[in-house]
């Protein structure tokens, strides 16, 4: 489009300038008139270019609005009317079952997850590990109802997730993904998700459990400090590790029945990572929890580990059992430990 517009501009302006030059040579206009008309042509050309750009922008916005309307008008196959609700009285943890689950992204040539079968017992701490691209995060998004299986089904307390009320289903889960995005509100509002009606003591407790309270209480306004310095002149800018801790505090505040941590220590230093592992039992007490990582040393505190490879579960068991089996998990663990040992000794990790 830009090339075509440039060619058209060249032809249009070139024709005008050639005409003006011819008129000067023929004596039809004076040099002063030539200068005036030359400037007028340049001004009109810029004016027409601006009009063209605005028309293109309006057209682009129109297309986006049409796409958004089409999205809103799409039939929803997971509406809430007439759907079942889970019995969540007593804040009892839930169990989750994947039965022959397949998933393929649109236009993909192969399945990301293939015949996935596993059961997370109520109150169990389960770790899902594997290399990047093994399908760990896809599995979590299926579990949370953000994606839907292309084959098989997911059961929550024995009920098919597709038959459950979606709003009630979303309340079951509290997830900490790797991406950390916050609203330009106060820390307390970001943690609680409420503008006014919040339990400030609960916010404080969650910040303590997440290991962020020492940092927050040193701020001039404490938990009432605003985030995002670009929009708030006195806003606070948190580091990558602090942002992940704030996400964790937000997840804890929700009091969901299932806590999912997707690489929660990716931006933490080793000391902060170790502190998080030590407090993991307290963080997930009375809840079903799923921990996702590609660093195998971080999963030893879990009751059970699932090793995922190419969309399939290749091995299952606790850390000791998988190490004793000397399979893919043990090999990956040895490779990672060898790297960290060399790094600790100051030698190049090759």
Protein backbone atom coordinates (compact mmCIF):
# COMPACT_ATOMS: atom_id res chain seq x y z
CA UNK A 1 0.00 0.00 0.00
CA UNK A 2 2.80 2.46 0.90
CA UNK A 3 4.65 1.69 -2.37
CA UNK A 4 1.51 2.17 -4.44
CA UNK A 5 0.70 5.41 -2.66
CA UNK A 6 4.26 6.66 -3.24
CA UNK A 7 4.03 5.92 -6.97
CA UNK A 8 0.68 7.71 -7.24
CA UNK A 9 2.05 10.71 -5.34
CA UNK A 10 5.06 10.84 -7.67
CA UNK A 11 2.88 10.75 -10.78
CA UNK A 12 0.46 13.36 -9.45
CA UNK A 13 3.07 15.81 -8.14
CA UNK A 14 5.39 15.20 -11.10
CA UNK A 15 2.64 16.09 -13.57
CA UNK A 16 1.90 19.33 -11.68
CA UNK A 17 5.56 20.32 -11.49
CA UNK A 18 6.14 19.60 -15.22
CA UNK A 19 3.12 21.74 -16.08
CA UNK A 20 4.44 24.63 -13.96
CA UNK A 21 7.90 24.38 -15.52
CA UNK A 22 6.38 24.42 -19.01
CA UNK A 23 4.29 27.47 -18.17
CA UNK A 24 7.37 29.32 -16.89
CA UNK A 25 9.32 28.47 -20.03
CA UNK A 26 6.43 29.64 -22.22
CA UNK A 27 6.16 32.84 -20.20
CA UNK A 28 2.59 32.12 -19.08
CA UNK A 29 3.52 32.72 -15.42
CA UNK A 30 6.27 34.66 -13.70
CA UNK A 31 8.98 33.05 -11.53
CA UNK A 32 7.20 34.47 -8.48
CA UNK A 33 3.95 32.80 -9.52
CA UNK A 34 5.88 29.57 -10.11
CA UNK A 35 7.21 29.65 -6.53
CA UNK A 36 3.72 30.29 -5.13
CA UNK A 37 2.10 27.52 -7.18
CA UNK A 38 4.94 25.13 -6.39
CA UNK A 39 4.32 25.63 -2.65
CA UNK A 40 0.57 25.26 -3.17
CA UNK A 41 1.07 21.92 -4.94
CA UNK A 42 3.24 20.68 -2.07
CA UNK A 43 0.62 21.79 0.49
CA UNK A 44 -2.27 20.19 -1.38
CA UNK A 45 -0.22 16.99 -1.78
CA UNK A 46 0.40 16.81 1.97
CA UNK A 47 -3.26 17.55 2.63
CA UNK A 48 -4.38 14.72 0.33
CA UNK A 49 -1.89 12.33 1.96
CA UNK A 50 -3.27 13.18 5.40
CA UNK A 51 -6.83 12.56 4.18
CA UNK A 52 -5.77 9.20 2.73
CA UNK A 53 -4.13 8.16 6.00
CA UNK A 54 -7.20 9.13 8.02
CA UNK A 55 -9.47 7.20 5.66
CA UNK A 56 -7.20 4.15 6.01
CA UNK A 57 -7.26 4.50 9.80
CA UNK A 58 -11.06 4.78 9.85
CA UNK A 59 -11.32 1.73 7.60
CA UNK A 60 -8.97 -0.25 9.86
CA UNK A 61 -10.97 0.70 12.96
CA UNK A 62 -14.17 -0.23 11.16
CA UNK A 63 -12.80 -3.69 10.35
CA UNK A 64 -11.71 -4.17 13.96
CA UNK A 65 -15.13 -3.12 15.24
CA UNK A 66 -16.81 -5.51 12.82
CA UNK A 67 -14.55 -8.34 13.99
CA UNK A 68 -15.34 -7.49 17.62
CA UNK A 69 -19.08 -7.50 16.88
CA UNK A 70 -18.73 -10.86 15.13
CA UNK A 71 -16.90 -12.15 18.21
CA UNK A 72 -19.68 -10.95 20.53
CA UNK A 73 -22.32 -12.51 18.29
CA UNK A 74 -20.60 -15.89 18.10
CA UNK A 75 -22.78 -18.66 19.51
CA UNK A 76 -21.58 -19.71 22.95
CA UNK A 77 -21.52 -23.47 23.36
CA UNK A 78 -20.75 -23.17 27.05
CA UNK A 79 -23.58 -20.98 28.29
CA UNK A 80 -24.55 -21.08 31.97
CA UNK A 81 -28.33 -21.44 31.67
CA UNK A 82 -29.45 -24.79 33.00
CA UNK A 83 -25.95 -25.90 33.84
CA UNK A 84 -25.01 -27.86 36.94
CA UNK A 85 -23.20 -26.46 39.95
CA UNK A 86 -20.63 -28.25 42.06
CA UNK A 87 -21.19 -28.85 45.73
CA UNK A 88 -18.48 -26.64 47.22
CA UNK A 89 -19.82 -26.35 50.76
CA UNK A 90 -17.21 -26.63 53.48
CA UNK A 91 -14.45 -25.41 51.15
CA UNK A 92 -13.46 -28.98 50.39
CA UNK A 93 -10.76 -29.42 47.73
CA UNK A 94 -11.82 -30.91 44.41
CA UNK A 95 -10.38 -33.73 42.36
CA UNK A 96 -9.71 -33.44 38.64
CA UNK A 97 -9.60 -36.19 36.03
CA UNK A 98 -8.41 -36.06 32.43
CA UNK A 99 -9.97 -38.87 30.37
CA UNK A 100 -8.39 -39.49 26.95
CA UNK A 101 -7.95 -35.76 26.37
CA UNK A 102 -6.75 -34.55 22.97
CA UNK A 103 -6.17 -30.96 21.96
CA UNK A 104 -5.13 -29.39 18.68
CA UNK A 105 -4.76 -25.68 18.00
CA UNK A 106 -6.72 -24.29 15.01
CA UNK A 107 -4.95 -24.92 11.69
CA UNK A 108 -2.25 -26.98 13.44
CA UNK A 109 -1.05 -30.13 11.69
CA UNK A 110 -0.68 -32.23 14.84
CA UNK A 111 -2.20 -32.56 18.30
CA UNK A 112 -0.50 -30.65 21.13
CA UNK A 113 -1.91 -33.09 23.70
CA UNK A 114 -2.51 -36.72 22.82
CA UNK A 115 -4.59 -39.17 24.83
CA UNK A 116 -3.84 -37.52 28.17
CA UNK A 117 -5.02 -39.52 31.19
CA UNK A 118 -4.38 -38.59 34.81
CA UNK A 119 -6.21 -37.98 38.08
CA UNK A 120 -5.42 -35.29 40.64
CA UNK A 121 -6.78 -36.35 44.01
CA UNK A 122 -8.53 -33.81 46.22
CA UNK A 123 -5.93 -31.93 48.25
CA UNK A 124 -2.99 -33.44 46.33
CA UNK A 125 0.10 -31.45 45.35
CA UNK A 126 0.90 -32.44 41.79
CA UNK A 127 3.83 -31.29 39.66
CA UNK A 128 3.67 -31.23 35.87
CA UNK A 129 7.16 -31.05 34.39
CA UNK A 130 8.81 -31.34 31.01
CA UNK A 131 10.75 -29.46 28.38
CA UNK A 132 9.46 -26.27 26.79
CA UNK A 133 6.75 -27.09 24.28
CA UNK A 134 5.75 -30.35 25.99
CA UNK A 135 2.19 -29.04 26.48
CA UNK A 136 2.24 -28.07 30.16
CA UNK A 137 0.62 -24.64 29.85
CA UNK A 138 -1.88 -25.95 27.29
CA UNK A 139 -2.89 -28.58 29.82
CA UNK A 140 -3.47 -25.87 32.46
CA UNK A 141 -5.56 -23.72 30.12
CA UNK A 142 -7.71 -26.74 29.33
CA UNK A 143 -8.12 -27.43 33.03
CA UNK A 144 -9.16 -23.82 33.68
CA UNK A 145 -11.74 -23.84 30.90
CA UNK A 146 -9.88 -21.31 28.73
CA UNK A 147 -9.57 -23.99 26.02
CA UNK A 148 -11.82 -26.94 25.43
CA UNK A 149 -10.66 -30.45 24.49
CA UNK A 150 -10.91 -31.49 20.87
CA UNK A 151 -11.29 -35.03 22.16
CA UNK A 152 -11.97 -36.69 25.51
CA UNK A 153 -13.29 -34.94 28.60
CA UNK A 154 -12.23 -33.31 31.87
CA UNK A 155 -14.07 -34.24 35.07
CA UNK A 156 -14.35 -32.12 38.22
CA UNK A 157 -15.52 -34.20 41.16
CA UNK A 158 -16.79 -36.70 38.61
CA UNK A 159 -18.79 -34.15 36.58
CA UNK A 160 -17.98 -33.23 33.00
CA UNK A 161 -16.66 -29.65 32.94
CA UNK A 162 -18.74 -28.84 29.83
CA UNK A 163 -21.91 -29.45 31.85
CA UNK A 164 -20.97 -27.11 34.69
CA UNK A 165 -21.90 -23.47 35.10
CA UNK A 166 -19.03 -21.53 33.59
CA UNK A 167 -19.05 -18.73 36.17
CA UNK A 168 -19.07 -21.25 39.00
CA UNK A 169 -16.34 -23.22 37.24
CA UNK A 170 -14.03 -20.20 36.97
CA UNK A 171 -14.38 -19.59 40.70
CA UNK A 172 -12.78 -22.97 41.37
CA UNK A 173 -9.37 -21.93 40.05
CA UNK A 174 -6.71 -19.48 41.08
CA UNK A 175 -3.84 -19.38 38.59
CA UNK A 176 -0.44 -17.71 38.57
CA UNK A 177 0.77 -17.55 34.97
CA UNK A 178 4.21 -16.31 33.92
CA UNK A 179 2.81 -13.07 32.48
CA UNK A 180 2.42 -10.35 35.12
CA UNK A 181 -0.06 -7.60 34.18
CA UNK A 182 -1.60 -5.26 36.72
CA UNK A 183 -4.07 -2.42 36.66
CA UNK A 184 -2.78 1.08 37.54
CA UNK A 185 -4.49 0.91 40.94
CA UNK A 186 -3.17 0.38 44.45
CA UNK A 187 -1.41 -2.79 45.53
CA UNK A 188 -4.33 -3.68 47.81
CA UNK A 189 -6.83 -3.22 44.97
CA UNK A 190 -4.75 -5.37 42.63
CA UNK A 191 -4.48 -8.16 45.21
CA UNK A 192 -8.15 -8.12 46.23
CA UNK A 193 -9.66 -7.28 42.84
CA UNK A 194 -11.96 -4.79 44.60
CA UNK A 195 -11.96 -1.02 44.57
CA UNK A 196 -13.37 -0.47 48.07
CA UNK A 197 -14.86 -3.51 49.82
CA UNK A 198 -11.79 -5.54 50.66
CA UNK A 199 -10.41 -7.40 53.65
CA UNK A 200 -7.24 -5.44 54.35
CA UNK A 201 -6.02 -7.94 56.93
CA UNK A 202 -6.44 -10.69 54.39
CA UNK A 203 -4.51 -8.64 51.80
CA UNK A 204 -1.71 -8.21 54.35
CA UNK A 205 -1.70 -11.93 55.14
CA UNK A 206 -1.51 -12.86 51.45
CA UNK A 207 1.35 -10.42 50.87
CA UNK A 208 3.20 -12.01 53.81
CA UNK A 209 2.66 -15.53 52.49
CA UNK A 210 3.88 -14.44 49.06
CA UNK A 211 7.01 -12.91 50.60
CA UNK A 212 6.24 -9.34 49.50
CA UNK A 213 5.08 -7.70 52.73
CA UNK A 214 8.53 -6.48 53.79
CA UNK A 215 8.82 -4.59 50.51
CA UNK A 216 5.27 -3.22 50.64
CA UNK A 217 5.38 -1.92 54.21
CA UNK A 218 8.48 0.14 53.40
CA UNK A 219 6.62 2.08 50.70
CA UNK A 220 5.37 5.58 51.66
CA UNK A 221 1.72 4.52 51.33
CA UNK A 222 2.15 0.82 52.10
CA UNK A 223 -0.46 -1.37 50.40
CA UNK A 224 -2.22 1.79 49.21
CA UNK A 225 0.72 2.65 46.95
CA UNK A 226 -0.25 2.97 43.28
CA UNK A 227 1.32 0.83 40.56
CA UNK A 228 2.46 1.90 37.10
CA UNK A 229 4.64 5.00 37.13
CA UNK A 230 3.72 5.82 33.54
CA UNK A 231 0.13 6.62 34.53
CA UNK A 232 0.70 7.58 38.18
CA UNK A 233 3.37 10.14 38.93
CA UNK A 234 4.09 8.63 42.35
CA UNK A 235 3.48 5.06 41.20
CA UNK A 236 5.66 2.11 42.21
CA UNK A 237 7.61 0.00 39.73
CA UNK A 238 8.12 -3.57 40.93
CA UNK A 239 10.86 -5.89 39.74
CA UNK A 240 10.07 -9.07 37.82
CA UNK A 241 10.32 -11.23 40.94
CA UNK A 242 8.18 -8.82 42.97
CA UNK A 243 5.52 -8.81 40.25
CA UNK A 244 5.35 -12.60 40.38
CA UNK A 245 5.01 -12.45 44.17
CA UNK A 246 2.17 -9.96 43.76
CA UNK A 247 0.48 -12.37 41.35
CA UNK A 248 0.84 -15.10 43.95
CA UNK A 249 -0.70 -12.88 46.65
CA UNK A 250 -3.60 -12.14 44.29
CA UNK A 251 -4.13 -15.87 43.69
CA UNK A 252 -4.08 -16.58 47.43
CA UNK A 253 -6.62 -13.85 48.18
CA UNK A 254 -9.18 -15.53 45.93
CA UNK A 255 -9.36 -18.64 48.18
CA UNK A 256 -10.02 -20.88 45.20
CA UNK A 257 -10.36 -24.65 45.53
CA UNK A 258 -7.56 -25.29 43.03
CA UNK A 259 -4.27 -23.37 43.00
CA UNK A 260 -2.18 -23.57 39.82
CA UNK A 261 1.34 -22.14 39.65
CA UNK A 262 2.77 -21.93 36.12
CA UNK A 263 6.53 -21.35 36.50
CA UNK A 264 6.05 -19.07 39.55
CA UNK A 265 9.77 -18.83 40.26
CA UNK A 266 10.96 -17.97 36.74
CA UNK A 267 11.91 -14.41 37.77
CA UNK A 268 12.97 -15.18 41.36
CA UNK A 269 16.50 -15.46 42.65
CA UNK A 270 17.55 -18.80 44.23
CA UNK A 271 17.02 -17.57 47.82
CA UNK A 272 13.49 -16.30 47.11
CA UNK A 273 12.77 -19.50 45.18
CA UNK A 274 13.84 -21.65 48.14
CA UNK A 275 11.68 -19.57 50.53
CA UNK A 276 8.68 -20.07 48.27
CA UNK A 277 9.18 -23.84 48.20
CA UNK A 278 9.46 -23.97 51.98
CA UNK A 279 6.17 -22.12 52.37
CA UNK A 280 4.42 -23.98 49.54
CA UNK A 281 2.66 -26.33 51.93
CA UNK A 282 1.19 -23.41 53.85
CA UNK A 283 0.23 -21.59 50.65
CA UNK A 284 -1.80 -24.54 49.33
CA UNK A 285 -3.09 -26.01 52.59
CA UNK A 286 -6.56 -27.48 52.15
CA UNK A 287 -6.49 -27.01 48.38
CA UNK A 288 -5.78 -29.10 45.33
CA UNK A 289 -2.65 -27.69 43.73
CA UNK A 290 -0.81 -28.07 40.45
CA UNK A 291 2.74 -26.86 40.02
CA UNK A 292 4.26 -26.46 36.55
CA UNK A 293 7.98 -26.20 35.95
CA UNK A 294 10.80 -27.25 33.67
CA UNK A 295 13.27 -27.07 36.58
CA UNK A 296 13.01 -30.48 38.18
CA UNK A 297 14.76 -29.55 41.42
CA UNK A 298 11.74 -27.41 42.29
CA UNK A 299 9.24 -30.28 42.38
CA UNK A 300 10.58 -32.45 45.19
CA UNK A 301 8.04 -31.11 47.69
CA UNK A 302 5.09 -32.35 45.58
CA UNK A 303 3.19 -35.54 46.35
CA UNK A 304 3.42 -36.75 42.76
CA UNK A 305 5.15 -35.74 39.54
CA UNK A 306 3.96 -36.19 35.96
CA UNK A 307 6.67 -35.99 33.29
CA UNK A 308 5.18 -34.69 30.05
CA UNK A 309 6.84 -35.12 26.67
CA UNK A 310 5.38 -34.40 23.22
CA UNK A 311 1.88 -34.07 24.63
CA UNK A 312 1.96 -37.40 26.49
CA UNK A 313 2.64 -38.44 30.07
CA UNK A 314 5.79 -40.52 29.89
CA UNK A 315 6.47 -41.11 33.60
CA UNK A 316 4.66 -40.65 36.90
CA UNK A 317 5.64 -40.98 40.56
CA UNK A 318 7.37 -39.00 43.30
CA UNK A 319 10.89 -37.66 42.91
CA UNK A 320 12.61 -40.64 44.54
CA UNK A 321 10.68 -43.18 42.48
CA UNK A 322 11.37 -41.41 39.20
CA UNK A 323 15.06 -41.07 39.99
CA UNK A 324 15.22 -44.76 40.83
CA UNK A 325 13.55 -45.62 37.50
CA UNK A 326 16.45 -43.91 35.66
CA UNK A 327 14.21 -42.82 32.82
CA UNK A 328 13.70 -39.51 31.01
CA UNK A 329 13.00 -37.62 34.25
CA UNK A 330 16.19 -38.87 35.91
CA UNK A 331 18.23 -38.04 32.81
CA UNK A 332 16.84 -34.51 32.63
CA UNK A 333 17.41 -34.03 36.36
CA UNK A 334 21.04 -35.12 36.06
CA UNK A 335 21.61 -32.78 33.12
CA UNK A 336 20.16 -29.83 35.04
CA UNK A 337 22.03 -30.63 38.27
CA UNK A 338 25.27 -30.95 36.29
CA UNK A 339 24.69 -27.48 34.87
CA UNK A 340 24.07 -25.91 38.28
CA UNK A 341 27.02 -27.70 39.86
CA UNK A 342 29.39 -26.32 37.24
CA UNK A 343 27.85 -22.89 37.59
CA UNK A 344 28.29 -22.99 41.37
CA UNK A 345 31.93 -24.02 40.96
CA UNK A 346 32.55 -21.11 38.61
CA UNK A 347 33.24 -23.29 35.59
CA UNK A 348 31.52 -22.83 32.24
CA UNK A 349 28.30 -24.87 32.12
CA UNK A 350 28.72 -26.70 28.82
